[in-house]
Amino acid sequence: MAIDMELTPKTKRPNGSGPCCEPVVYPDVEREHAARMAEVAKALGDPIRLQLVDVLRKHAGKVCVHELIPLFDVAQPTISHHLKKLREAGIVDSERQGLWAYYYVLPGALDELAAWLG
């Protein structure tokens, strides 16, 4: 996912009538850092994913995917899809034990976003 933002102020007004105003503030977040936080925020932008992270972070240890299914009004493949999106964003990870996958929130995965929001 590539985000290309132009952050340099324009030197002239669009109608050519003189210099444009200086920006009130400049972003403190570097482009790469902003892209990473946006990826995490996007993954958390779905209510089910947000609730999955909430359950996983409150649980001491790893949670089997089958323990998560009764908590939501969606089928197991949908839960697995949401967990995959959270894994891709670096928020959760899983371990396989036989046929089952056990999920957990990665330590520090949300610290960056939480610090910025705080």
Protein backbone atom coordinates (compact mmCIF):
# COMPACT_ATOMS: atom_id res chain seq x y z
CA MET A 1 0.00 0.00 0.00
CA ALA A 2 1.66 3.20 -1.15
CA ILE A 3 0.57 6.58 0.13
CA ASP A 4 1.99 9.59 -1.63
CA MET A 5 1.22 12.88 0.05
CA GLU A 6 2.55 16.23 -1.11
CA LEU A 7 3.42 18.22 2.02
CA THR A 8 5.21 21.21 0.56
CA PRO A 9 3.25 24.47 0.70
CA LYS A 10 2.21 26.06 -2.57
CA THR A 11 4.06 29.24 -3.34
CA LYS A 12 1.20 30.93 -5.19
CA ARG A 13 -2.54 30.97 -4.88
CA PRO A 14 -4.33 28.93 -7.51
CA ASN A 15 -5.49 32.11 -9.27
CA GLY A 16 -1.94 33.49 -9.31
CA SER A 17 -2.73 36.45 -7.05
CA GLY A 18 0.30 36.16 -4.78
CA PRO A 19 1.81 33.82 -2.21
CA CYS A 20 -0.36 31.26 -0.53
CA CYS A 21 -0.69 31.20 3.26
CA GLU A 22 1.83 29.25 5.28
CA PRO A 23 0.44 26.07 6.83
CA VAL A 24 -0.76 26.44 10.39
CA VAL A 25 1.08 23.25 11.41
CA TYR A 26 3.11 20.54 9.76
CA PRO A 27 2.57 16.84 10.47
CA ASP A 28 4.75 15.31 13.17
CA VAL A 29 4.23 11.83 11.76
CA GLU A 30 6.73 10.69 9.15
CA ARG A 31 5.21 9.27 5.95
CA GLU A 32 6.29 5.66 6.63
CA HIS A 33 5.08 5.88 10.21
CA ALA A 34 1.75 7.32 9.04
CA ALA A 35 1.37 4.51 6.49
CA ARG A 36 1.98 1.89 9.20
CA MET A 37 -0.52 3.46 11.60
CA ALA A 38 -3.07 3.77 8.78
CA GLU A 39 -2.69 0.06 8.04
CA VAL A 40 -3.38 -0.80 11.68
CA ALA A 41 -6.30 1.65 11.86
CA LYS A 42 -7.77 0.25 8.65
CA ALA A 43 -7.59 -3.29 10.02
CA LEU A 44 -9.37 -2.12 13.18
CA GLY A 45 -11.98 -0.25 11.12
CA ASP A 46 -14.32 -3.22 11.00
CA PRO A 47 -16.50 -3.76 14.11
CA ILE A 48 -15.90 -7.52 14.18
CA ARG A 49 -12.12 -7.06 13.93
CA LEU A 50 -12.19 -4.48 16.70
CA GLN A 51 -14.18 -6.87 18.89
CA LEU A 52 -11.84 -9.77 18.03
CA VAL A 53 -8.84 -7.73 19.15
CA ASP A 54 -10.70 -6.72 22.30
CA VAL A 55 -11.42 -10.36 23.18
CA LEU A 56 -7.89 -11.51 22.34
CA ARG A 57 -6.16 -8.77 24.30
CA LYS A 58 -8.32 -9.43 27.38
CA HIS A 59 -7.63 -13.15 27.26
CA ALA A 60 -4.54 -14.37 29.09
CA GLY A 61 -2.94 -16.62 26.52
CA LYS A 62 -3.95 -17.93 23.16
CA VAL A 63 -7.53 -18.40 22.02
CA CYS A 64 -8.71 -21.16 19.70
CA VAL A 65 -10.66 -19.92 16.70
CA HIS A 66 -13.56 -22.16 17.71
CA GLU A 67 -13.82 -20.31 21.03
CA LEU A 68 -14.34 -17.09 19.07
CA ILE A 69 -17.10 -18.29 16.74
CA PRO A 70 -19.95 -18.29 19.33
CA LEU A 71 -19.20 -14.65 20.16
CA PHE A 72 -20.23 -13.39 16.72
CA ASP A 73 -23.22 -13.77 14.45
CA VAL A 74 -21.10 -14.81 11.44
CA ALA A 75 -19.77 -18.10 10.13
CA GLN A 76 -16.32 -19.53 10.90
CA PRO A 77 -14.90 -18.62 7.45
CA THR A 78 -15.81 -14.98 8.09
CA ILE A 79 -14.07 -15.03 11.48
CA SER A 80 -11.02 -16.60 9.84
CA HIS A 81 -11.05 -13.89 7.15
CA HIS A 82 -11.08 -11.14 9.80
CA LEU A 83 -8.29 -12.85 11.74
CA LYS A 84 -6.26 -13.07 8.52
CA LYS A 85 -6.66 -9.31 7.98
CA LEU A 86 -5.53 -8.66 11.55
CA ARG A 87 -2.50 -10.94 11.03
CA GLU A 88 -1.60 -9.13 7.79
CA ALA A 89 -1.71 -5.81 9.67
CA GLY A 90 0.65 -7.19 12.32
CA ILE A 91 -1.87 -6.95 15.13
CA VAL A 92 -2.40 -10.63 15.90
CA ASP A 93 -0.55 -13.84 15.24
CA SER A 94 -1.43 -17.50 15.54
CA GLU A 95 0.04 -20.88 16.34
CA ARG A 96 -1.22 -24.13 14.92
CA GLN A 97 -1.70 -27.07 17.25
CA GLY A 98 -2.95 -30.03 15.29
CA LEU A 99 -6.08 -28.99 13.42
CA TRP A 100 -6.67 -25.85 15.46
CA ALA A 101 -5.26 -22.34 15.24
CA TYR A 102 -4.76 -20.35 18.43
CA TYR A 103 -4.70 -16.56 18.15
CA TYR A 104 -3.20 -13.84 20.31
CA VAL A 105 -2.48 -10.12 20.09
CA LEU A 106 1.17 -9.39 19.35
CA PRO A 107 2.82 -7.54 22.24
CA GLY A 108 3.21 -3.86 21.40
CA ALA A 109 1.21 -4.12 18.16
CA LEU A 110 -1.12 -1.30 19.16
CA ASP A 111 1.32 0.81 21.20
CA GLU A 112 2.30 3.08 18.32
CA LEU A 113 -1.29 3.93 17.39
CA ALA A 114 -2.35 4.27 21.04
CA ALA A 115 0.54 6.63 21.81
CA TRP A 116 -0.31 8.82 18.84
CA LEU A 117 -4.03 8.88 19.69
CA GLY A 118 -3.25 9.64 23.35
